[in-house]
C-alpha atoms as a PDB file:
ATOM      1  CA  MET A   1     -33.232 -11.322  26.378  1.00  0.00           C
ATOM      2  CA  THR A   2     -35.207  -8.540  24.743  1.00  0.00           C
ATOM      3  CA  SER A   3     -38.140  -9.254  22.450  1.00  0.00           C
ATOM      4  CA  GLN A   4     -38.292  -8.438  18.742  1.00  0.00           C
ATOM      5  CA  ARG A   5     -41.184  -6.045  19.386  1.00  0.00           C
ATOM      6  CA  ALA A   6     -39.359  -4.150  22.138  1.00  0.00           C
ATOM      7  CA  PHE A   7     -36.207  -3.901  20.013  1.00  0.00           C
ATOM      8  CA  GLU A   8     -38.080  -2.515  17.020  1.00  0.00           C
ATOM      9  CA  ALA A   9     -39.909  -0.008  19.245  1.00  0.00           C
ATOM     10  CA  ALA A  10     -36.554   1.243  20.558  1.00  0.00           C
ATOM     11  CA  ILE A  11     -35.301   1.748  17.002  1.00  0.00           C
ATOM     12  CA  LYS A  12     -38.400   3.729  16.025  1.00  0.00           C
ATOM     13  CA  ALA A  13     -38.053   5.908  19.128  1.00  0.00           C
ATOM     14  CA  GLY A  14     -34.335   6.499  18.549  1.00  0.00           C
ATOM     15  CA  ASP A  15     -33.481   4.995  21.943  1.00  0.00           C
ATOM     16  CA  ILE A  16     -30.206   3.363  22.927  1.00  0.00           C
ATOM     17  CA  VAL A  17     -30.580  -0.362  23.574  1.00  0.00           C
ATOM     18  CA  ALA A  18     -28.341  -1.184  26.536  1.00  0.00           C
ATOM     19  CA  GLY A  19     -27.412  -4.292  28.515  1.00  0.00           C
ATOM     20  CA  GLU A  20     -29.468  -6.722  26.430  1.00  0.00           C
ATOM     21  CA  ASP A  21     -28.882 -10.132  24.868  1.00  0.00           C
ATOM     22  CA  LEU A  22     -29.913  -9.662  21.227  1.00  0.00           C
ATOM     23  CA  SER A  23     -28.939 -13.093  19.929  1.00  0.00           C
ATOM     24  CA  ASN A  24     -32.528 -13.935  18.969  1.00  0.00           C
ATOM     25  CA  ILE A  25     -33.279 -10.767  16.985  1.00  0.00           C
ATOM     26  CA  ASP A  26     -34.331 -11.037  13.338  1.00  0.00           C
ATOM     27  CA  TRP A  27     -32.311  -8.338  11.542  1.00  0.00           C
ATOM     28  CA  SER A  28     -33.778  -8.914   8.096  1.00  0.00           C
ATOM     29  CA  ASP A  29     -36.620  -6.380   8.055  1.00  0.00           C
ATOM     30  CA  LEU A  30     -36.139  -3.788  10.787  1.00  0.00           C
ATOM     31  CA  PRO A  31     -37.948  -0.434  10.821  1.00  0.00           C
ATOM     32  CA  SER A  32     -36.035   2.607   9.621  1.00  0.00           C
ATOM     33  CA  GLY A  33     -34.023   4.408  12.261  1.00  0.00           C
ATOM     34  CA  ARG A  34     -30.483   4.667  13.555  1.00  0.00           C
ATOM     35  CA  ILE A  35     -29.492   1.604  15.590  1.00  0.00           C
ATOM     36  CA  ARG A  36     -27.557   2.339  18.780  1.00  0.00           C
ATOM     37  CA  LEU A  37     -26.408  -0.499  21.027  1.00  0.00           C
ATOM     38  CA  ARG A  38     -24.444  -0.305  24.261  1.00  0.00           C
ATOM     39  CA  ASP A  39     -23.118  -3.190  26.388  1.00  0.00           C
ATOM     40  CA  CYS A  40     -25.137  -5.779  24.478  1.00  0.00           C
ATOM     41  CA  THR A  41     -24.339  -9.357  23.447  1.00  0.00           C
ATOM     42  CA  LEU A  42     -25.046 -11.214  20.213  1.00  0.00           C
ATOM     43  CA  GLN A  43     -24.010 -14.848  19.823  1.00  0.00           C
ATOM     44  CA  GLY A  44     -24.343 -16.784  16.591  1.00  0.00           C
ATOM     45  CA  ALA A  45     -26.576 -14.043  15.190  1.00  0.00           C
ATOM     46  CA  SER A  46     -27.153 -13.537  11.476  1.00  0.00           C
ATOM     47  CA  LEU A  47     -27.030  -9.879  10.444  1.00  0.00           C
ATOM     48  CA  MET A  48     -26.688 -10.791   6.775  1.00  0.00           C
ATOM     49  CA  SER A  49     -27.853  -7.981   4.459  1.00  0.00           C
ATOM     50  CA  ALA A  50     -29.033  -5.983   7.490  1.00  0.00           C
ATOM     51  CA  ALA A  51     -29.465  -2.210   7.107  1.00  0.00           C
ATOM     52  CA  LEU A  52     -26.963  -0.943   9.697  1.00  0.00           C
ATOM     53  CA  GLY A  53     -25.736   2.237   8.065  1.00  0.00           C
ATOM     54  CA  GLU A  54     -24.518   4.792  10.662  1.00  0.00           C
ATOM     55  CA  ALA A  55     -25.204   2.317  13.470  1.00  0.00           C
ATOM     56  CA  VAL A  56     -23.355   2.947  16.734  1.00  0.00           C
ATOM     57  CA  PHE A  57     -22.048  -0.026  18.716  1.00  0.00           C
ATOM     58  CA  GLU A  58     -20.394   0.637  22.085  1.00  0.00           C
ATOM     59  CA  ASP A  59     -18.986  -2.179  24.261  1.00  0.00           C
ATOM     60  CA  VAL A  60     -20.947  -4.741  22.240  1.00  0.00           C
ATOM     61  CA  THR A  61     -19.853  -8.379  22.040  1.00  0.00           C
ATOM     62  CA  PHE A  62     -20.450 -10.191  18.738  1.00  0.00           C
ATOM     63  CA  LEU A  63     -19.607 -13.917  18.942  1.00  0.00           C
ATOM     64  CA  GLU A  64     -19.505 -15.870  15.670  1.00  0.00           C
ATOM     65  CA  CYS A  65     -21.867 -13.391  14.029  1.00  0.00           C
ATOM     66  CA  ARG A  66     -22.372 -13.062  10.269  1.00  0.00           C
ATOM     67  CA  PHE A  67     -22.483  -9.609   8.657  1.00  0.00           C
ATOM     68  CA  ALA A  68     -22.282 -10.887   5.064  1.00  0.00           C
ATOM     69  CA  GLY A  69     -23.736  -8.327   2.663  1.00  0.00           C
ATOM     70  CA  ALA A  70     -24.749  -5.966   5.486  1.00  0.00           C
ATOM     71  CA  ASP A  71     -24.873  -2.187   4.995  1.00  0.00           C
ATOM     72  CA  LEU A  72     -22.440  -0.819   7.593  1.00  0.00           C
ATOM     73  CA  VAL A  73     -21.576   2.441   5.851  1.00  0.00           C
ATOM     74  CA  ASN A  74     -20.378   4.985   8.449  1.00  0.00           C
ATOM     75  CA  ALA A  75     -21.000   2.501  11.269  1.00  0.00           C
ATOM     76  CA  VAL A  76     -19.050   3.041  14.495  1.00  0.00           C
ATOM     77  CA  PHE A  77     -17.627   0.201  16.616  1.00  0.00           C
ATOM     78  CA  THR A  78     -16.149   1.378  19.938  1.00  0.00           C
ATOM     79  CA  ARG A  79     -14.605  -1.080  22.411  1.00  0.00           C
ATOM     80  CA  CYS A  80     -16.404  -3.943  20.702  1.00  0.00           C
ATOM     81  CA  VAL A  81     -15.423  -7.606  20.660  1.00  0.00           C
ATOM     82  CA  LEU A  82     -15.895  -9.432  17.361  1.00  0.00           C
ATOM     83  CA  PHE A  83     -13.679 -12.405  18.207  1.00  0.00           C
ATOM     84  CA  ASP A  84     -14.712 -15.537  20.087  1.00  0.00           C
ATOM     85  CA  ALA A  85     -11.622 -16.491  22.100  1.00  0.00           C
ATOM     86  CA  ASP A  86     -13.040 -19.889  23.090  1.00  0.00           C
ATOM     87  CA  ALA A  87     -13.966 -20.945  19.553  1.00  0.00           C
ATOM     88  CA  ARG A  88     -10.979 -19.080  18.006  1.00  0.00           C
ATOM     89  CA  LYS A  89     -13.262 -17.535  15.399  1.00  0.00           C
ATOM     90  CA  GLY A  90     -13.909 -14.001  14.230  1.00  0.00           C
ATOM     91  CA  CYS A  91     -17.025 -12.560  12.642  1.00  0.00           C
ATOM     92  CA  ASP A  92     -17.727 -12.809   8.912  1.00  0.00           C
ATOM     93  CA  PHE A  93     -18.001  -9.514   6.971  1.00  0.00           C
ATOM     94  CA  ALA A  94     -17.973 -11.052   3.477  1.00  0.00           C
ATOM     95  CA  ASP A  95     -19.334  -8.601   0.862  1.00  0.00           C
ATOM     96  CA  ALA A  96     -20.364  -6.107   3.569  1.00  0.00           C
ATOM     97  CA  GLN A  97     -20.457  -2.392   2.811  1.00  0.00           C
ATOM     98  CA  LEU A  98     -18.071  -0.863   5.369  1.00  0.00           C
ATOM     99  CA  ARG A  99     -17.273   2.427   3.643  1.00  0.00           C
ATOM    100  CA  ALA A 100     -16.026   4.993   6.179  1.00  0.00           C
ATOM    101  CA  ALA A 101     -16.748   2.643   9.088  1.00  0.00           C
ATOM    102  CA  HIS A 102     -14.757   3.440  12.232  1.00  0.00           C
ATOM    103  CA  PHE A 103     -13.389   0.785  14.601  1.00  0.00           C
ATOM    104  CA  THR A 104     -11.781   2.019  17.849  1.00  0.00           C
ATOM    105  CA  ASP A 105     -10.238  -0.102  20.634  1.00  0.00           C
ATOM    106  CA  SER A 106     -12.040  -3.164  19.262  1.00  0.00           C
ATOM    107  CA  ASN A 107     -11.016  -6.799  18.797  1.00  0.00           C
ATOM    108  CA  ILE A 108     -11.492  -8.008  15.217  1.00  0.00           C
ATOM    109  CA  SER A 109      -8.973 -10.842  15.342  1.00  0.00           C
ATOM    110  CA  LEU A 110      -9.562 -13.587  12.752  1.00  0.00           C
ATOM    111  CA  CYS A 111     -12.463 -11.648  11.212  1.00  0.00           C
ATOM    112  CA  ARG A 112     -12.977 -12.226   7.484  1.00  0.00           C
ATOM    113  CA  PHE A 113     -13.565  -9.400   4.990  1.00  0.00           C
ATOM    114  CA  ALA A 114     -13.581 -11.171   1.601  1.00  0.00           C
ATOM    115  CA  GLY A 115     -15.379  -9.015  -0.966  1.00  0.00           C
ATOM    116  CA  ALA A 116     -16.115  -6.266   1.577  1.00  0.00           C
ATOM    117  CA  ASN A 117     -15.976  -2.596   0.572  1.00  0.00           C
ATOM    118  CA  LEU A 118     -13.621  -0.940   3.080  1.00  0.00           C
ATOM    119  CA  HIS A 119     -12.947   2.364   1.355  1.00  0.00           C
ATOM    120  CA  ALA A 120     -11.982   5.060   3.883  1.00  0.00           C
ATOM    121  CA  VAL A 121     -12.304   2.663   6.826  1.00  0.00           C
ATOM    122  CA  ILE A 122     -10.491   3.755   9.996  1.00  0.00           C
ATOM    123  CA  MET A 123      -9.184   1.332  12.602  1.00  0.00           C
ATOM    124  CA  GLU A 124      -7.492   2.746  15.699  1.00  0.00           C
ATOM    125  CA  ARG A 125      -5.838   0.744  18.470  1.00  0.00           C
ATOM    126  CA  CYS A 126      -7.617  -2.415  17.376  1.00  0.00           C
ATOM    127  CA  LYS A 127      -6.569  -6.021  17.899  1.00  0.00           C
ATOM    128  CA  ALA A 128      -6.733  -7.653  14.485  1.00  0.00           C
ATOM    129  CA  SER A 129      -4.313 -10.585  14.594  1.00  0.00           C
ATOM    130  CA  GLY A 130      -4.958 -12.992  11.751  1.00  0.00           C
ATOM    131  CA  ALA A 131      -7.675 -10.824  10.198  1.00  0.00           C
ATOM    132  CA  ASP A 132      -8.261 -11.793   6.561  1.00  0.00           C
ATOM    133  CA  PHE A 133      -8.592  -8.886   4.114  1.00  0.00           C
ATOM    134  CA  GLU A 134      -7.812 -10.859   0.946  1.00  0.00           C
ATOM    135  CA  ASP A 135     -10.266  -9.926  -1.856  1.00  0.00           C
ATOM    136  CA  ALA A 136     -11.506  -6.898   0.129  1.00  0.00           C
ATOM    137  CA  SER A 137     -11.593  -3.540  -1.663  1.00  0.00           C
ATOM    138  CA  PHE A 138     -10.301  -0.223  -0.337  1.00  0.00           C
ATOM    139  CA  ILE A 139     -11.066   1.511  -3.643  1.00  0.00           C
ATOM    140  CA  ARG A 140     -13.745   4.016  -4.596  1.00  0.00           C
ATOM    141  CA  LYS A 141     -14.277   4.669  -8.290  1.00  0.00           C
ATOM    142  CA  SER A 142     -15.151   8.188  -9.452  1.00  0.00           C
ATOM    143  CA  GLY A 143     -15.630   8.306 -13.186  1.00  0.00           C
ATOM    144  CA  ARG A 144     -12.369   7.111 -14.729  1.00  0.00           C
ATOM    145  CA  ASN A 145     -10.457   7.650 -11.507  1.00  0.00           C
ATOM    146  CA  SER A 146      -9.971   5.280  -8.596  1.00  0.00           C
ATOM    147  CA  VAL A 147      -9.183   6.469  -5.075  1.00  0.00           C
ATOM    148  CA  THR A 148      -7.819   4.155  -2.396  1.00  0.00           C
ATOM    149  CA  ALA A 149      -8.092   5.091   1.279  1.00  0.00           C
ATOM    150  CA  ALA A 150      -7.835   3.421   4.690  1.00  0.00           C
ATOM    151  CA  ARG A 151      -6.130   4.134   8.017  1.00  0.00           C
ATOM    152  CA  PHE A 152      -4.857   1.480  10.448  1.00  0.00           C
ATOM    153  CA  ILE A 153      -3.378   3.439  13.346  1.00  0.00           C
ATOM    154  CA  ASP A 154      -1.579   1.705  16.246  1.00  0.00           C
ATOM    155  CA  CYS A 155      -3.319  -1.599  15.477  1.00  0.00           C
ATOM    156  CA  ALA A 156      -2.114  -5.152  16.176  1.00  0.00           C
ATOM    157  CA  LEU A 157      -2.276  -6.773  12.724  1.00  0.00           C
ATOM    158  CA  ASP A 158       0.224  -9.589  13.192  1.00  0.00           C
ATOM    159  CA  PHE A 159      -0.339 -12.550  10.823  1.00  0.00           C
ATOM    160  CA  SER A 160      -3.039 -10.601   8.960  1.00  0.00           C
ATOM    161  CA  ASN A 161      -3.671 -11.318   5.279  1.00  0.00           C
ATOM    162  CA  PHE A 162      -3.600  -8.549   2.650  1.00  0.00           C
ATOM    163  CA  ARG A 163      -2.623 -10.713  -0.343  1.00  0.00           C
ATOM    164  CA  HIS A 164      -3.380  -9.125  -3.748  1.00  0.00           C
ATOM    165  CA  VAL A 165      -5.048  -6.090  -2.102  1.00  0.00           C
ATOM    166  CA  ALA A 166      -4.654  -2.535  -3.467  1.00  0.00           C
ATOM    167  CA  LEU A 167      -3.473  -0.434  -0.514  1.00  0.00           C
ATOM    168  CA  ASP A 168      -1.767   2.450  -2.279  1.00  0.00           C
ATOM    169  CA  ASP A 169      -1.837   5.679  -0.235  1.00  0.00           C
ATOM    170  CA  CYS A 170      -3.179   3.823   2.831  1.00  0.00           C
ATOM    171  CA  GLU A 171      -1.717   4.250   6.325  1.00  0.00           C
ATOM    172  CA  PHE A 172      -0.432   1.646   8.780  1.00  0.00           C
ATOM    173  CA  GLU A 173       1.354   4.060  11.094  1.00  0.00           C
ATOM    174  CA  GLY A 174       2.429   2.633  14.433  1.00  0.00           C
ATOM    175  CA  SER A 175       0.813  -0.747  13.727  1.00  0.00           C
ATOM    176  CA  SER A 176       2.301  -4.165  14.421  1.00  0.00           C
ATOM    177  CA  LEU A 177       2.432  -6.195  11.201  1.00  0.00           C
ATOM    178  CA  ARG A 178       4.708  -9.061  12.195  1.00  0.00           C
ATOM    179  CA  GLN A 179       4.477 -11.850   9.611  1.00  0.00           C
ATOM    180  CA  ALA A 180       1.608 -10.087   7.862  1.00  0.00           C
ATOM    181  CA  ASP A 181       1.148 -11.188   4.239  1.00  0.00           C
ATOM    182  CA  PHE A 182       1.303  -8.385   1.652  1.00  0.00           C
ATOM    183  CA  SER A 183       2.349 -10.609  -1.255  1.00  0.00           C
ATOM    184  CA  GLN A 184       1.305  -9.160  -4.633  1.00  0.00           C
ATOM    185  CA  ALA A 185      -0.310  -6.186  -2.885  1.00  0.00           C
ATOM    186  CA  ASN A 186      -0.089  -2.655  -4.245  1.00  0.00           C
ATOM    187  CA  LEU A 187       1.718  -0.635  -1.575  1.00  0.00           C
ATOM    188  CA  THR A 188       2.541   2.387  -3.687  1.00  0.00           C
ATOM    189  CA  ALA A 189       2.932   5.440  -1.412  1.00  0.00           C
ATOM    190  CA  THR A 190       1.628   3.433   1.539  1.00  0.00           C
ATOM    191  CA  SER A 191       2.802   4.721   4.926  1.00  0.00           C
ATOM    192  CA  PHE A 192       4.338   2.248   7.373  1.00  0.00           C
ATOM    193  CA  ARG A 193       5.917   4.875   9.615  1.00  0.00           C
ATOM    194  CA  ARG A 194       6.682   3.546  13.132  1.00  0.00           C
ATOM    195  CA  ALA A 195       5.186   0.167  12.152  1.00  0.00           C
ATOM    196  CA  ASP A 196       6.614  -3.226  13.083  1.00  0.00           C
ATOM    197  CA  LEU A 197       7.237  -5.064   9.808  1.00  0.00           C
ATOM    198  CA  ASN A 198       9.397  -7.862  11.209  1.00  0.00           C
ATOM    199  CA  ALA A 199       9.228 -10.849   8.837  1.00  0.00           C
ATOM    200  CA  ALA A 200       6.290  -9.388   6.871  1.00  0.00           C
ATOM    201  CA  ASN A 201       5.863 -10.977   3.423  1.00  0.00           C
ATOM    202  CA  MET A 202       6.318  -8.428   0.627  1.00  0.00           C
ATOM    203  CA  ASP A 203       6.846 -10.900  -2.243  1.00  0.00           C
ATOM    204  CA  GLU A 204       5.906  -9.283  -5.581  1.00  0.00           C
ATOM    205  CA  ALA A 205       4.387  -6.293  -3.808  1.00  0.00           C
ATOM    206  CA  ARG A 206       4.664  -2.896  -5.491  1.00  0.00           C
ATOM    207  CA  MET A 207       6.602  -0.604  -3.166  1.00  0.00           C
ATOM    208  CA  GLU A 208       7.182   2.649  -5.068  1.00  0.00           C
ATOM    209  CA  ASN A 209       7.226   5.672  -2.738  1.00  0.00           C
ATOM    210  CA  ALA A 210       6.273   3.578   0.299  1.00  0.00           C
ATOM    211  CA  ASP A 211       7.289   5.200   3.590  1.00  0.00           C
ATOM    212  CA  LEU A 212       9.205   2.861   5.913  1.00  0.00           C
ATOM    213  CA  ARG A 213      10.817   5.502   8.093  1.00  0.00           C
ATOM    214  CA  GLU A 214      11.113   4.609  11.795  1.00  0.00           C
ATOM    215  CA  ALA A 215       9.608   1.181  11.100  1.00  0.00           C
ATOM    216  CA  SER A 216      11.087  -2.011  12.523  1.00  0.00           C
ATOM    217  CA  VAL A 217      12.331  -3.976   9.507  1.00  0.00           C
ATOM    218  CA  ASP A 218      14.268  -6.905  11.015  1.00  0.00           C
ATOM    219  CA  GLY A 219      13.649  -9.972   8.885  1.00  0.00           C
ATOM    220  CA  LEU A 220      11.949  -7.918   6.160  1.00  0.00           C
ATOM    221  CA  ASN A 221      13.099  -9.244   2.783  1.00  0.00           C
ATOM    222  CA  LEU A 222      12.422  -6.931  -0.152  1.00  0.00           C
ATOM    223  CA  THR A 223      14.433  -8.890  -2.717  1.00  0.00           C
ATOM    224  CA  ARG A 224      11.273 -10.228  -4.372  1.00  0.00           C
ATOM    225  CA  SER A 225       9.275  -6.991  -4.161  1.00  0.00           C
ATOM    226  CA  ARG A 226       8.524  -5.061  -7.348  1.00  0.00           C
ATOM    227  CA  GLY A 227       9.332  -1.391  -7.761  1.00  0.00           C
ATOM    228  CA  PHE A 228      11.600   0.333  -5.261  1.00  0.00           C
ATOM    229  CA  ALA A 229      11.731   3.838  -6.709  1.00  0.00           C
ATOM    230  CA  GLY A 230      11.213   6.529  -4.108  1.00  0.00           C
ATOM    231  CA  ILE A 231      10.991   4.262  -1.034  1.00  0.00           C
ATOM    232  CA  LYS A 232      11.588   6.376   2.084  1.00  0.00           C
ATOM    233  CA  VAL A 233      13.831   4.826   4.768  1.00  0.00           C
ATOM    234  CA  SER A 234      15.795   6.022   7.795  1.00  0.00           C
ATOM    235  CA  GLN A 235      19.581   5.711   7.835  1.00  0.00           C
ATOM    236  CA  SER A 236      19.381   3.344  10.803  1.00  0.00           C
ATOM    237  CA  GLN A 237      17.366   0.871   8.678  1.00  0.00           C
ATOM    238  CA  LEU A 238      19.873   0.527   5.854  1.00  0.00           C
ATOM    239  CA  SER A 239      21.808  -2.438   7.228  1.00  0.00           C
ATOM    240  CA  ALA A 240      18.686  -4.531   7.880  1.00  0.00           C
ATOM    241  CA  LEU A 241      17.175  -3.750   4.471  1.00  0.00           C
ATOM    242  CA  ALA A 242      20.422  -4.212   2.528  1.00  0.00           C
ATOM    243  CA  GLY A 243      21.331  -7.563   4.136  1.00  0.00           C
ATOM    244  CA  PRO A 244      18.963  -9.751   2.060  1.00  0.00           C
ATOM    245  CA  PHE A 245      20.429  -8.168  -1.106  1.00  0.00           C
ATOM    246  CA  GLY A 246      23.911  -9.348  -0.060  1.00  0.00           C
ATOM    247  CA  MET A 247      25.083  -5.815   0.623  1.00  0.00           C
ATOM    248  CA  ARG A 248      26.941  -4.531   3.685  1.00  0.00           C
ATOM    249  CA  VAL A 249      26.558  -0.964   4.923  1.00  0.00           C
ATOM    250  CA  PHE A 250      29.564   0.832   6.397  1.00  0.00           C
ATOM    251  CA  PRO A 251      29.724   4.233   8.085  1.00  0.00           C
ATOM    252  CA  ASP A 252      31.262   7.055   6.070  1.00  0.00           C
END
């Protein structure tokens, strides 16, 4: 277990901290410098309000850690574990600044993002079953305009929670979203191409111009969704989507 003094010296020198247990580190007043961790472990650590902008985490294990209010703008998580399988708990990112953060091949299952700023976040090939994004924001305001952006590519997001979230123009291409909750979400022009939407909850979600082409839609009930204009679907999906409306599709 590395000491606080040695850890701070590594930050000042711009060194990579590798193979250390950092559970005892005080993250509240670290010296300026880019934090780079590799193959480290943190258990029960509080990184609340920590300055972690542009930090690089590779093969780092975070068990029951708290990132509430932390600055993680442009942070990179590669092959990281943020889910404690024994305790069945994910890390807490409440109110964290995660703008343009990039998660690759990481496990964020059951992590909580209430109040977090996730504009332009990218998640690729991540395990995120049961992750809770309710009350998170994917929006950046520029004057009178608001821009929404996020990419979830080939992620496992089964049972995840996106209730009430604005996700217009976001991408979920190739992701598994079985029984995910999008009730009352804004999914205008959202791309679900090649996604698995089996039994996803779209109650009262806005769906204008959403792209469902090549997605698996068995058990997807859009009868209570709001706004269907411009939805893009493949011909092979028509029977599954029309069934809940009481319609039958026949070949020409």
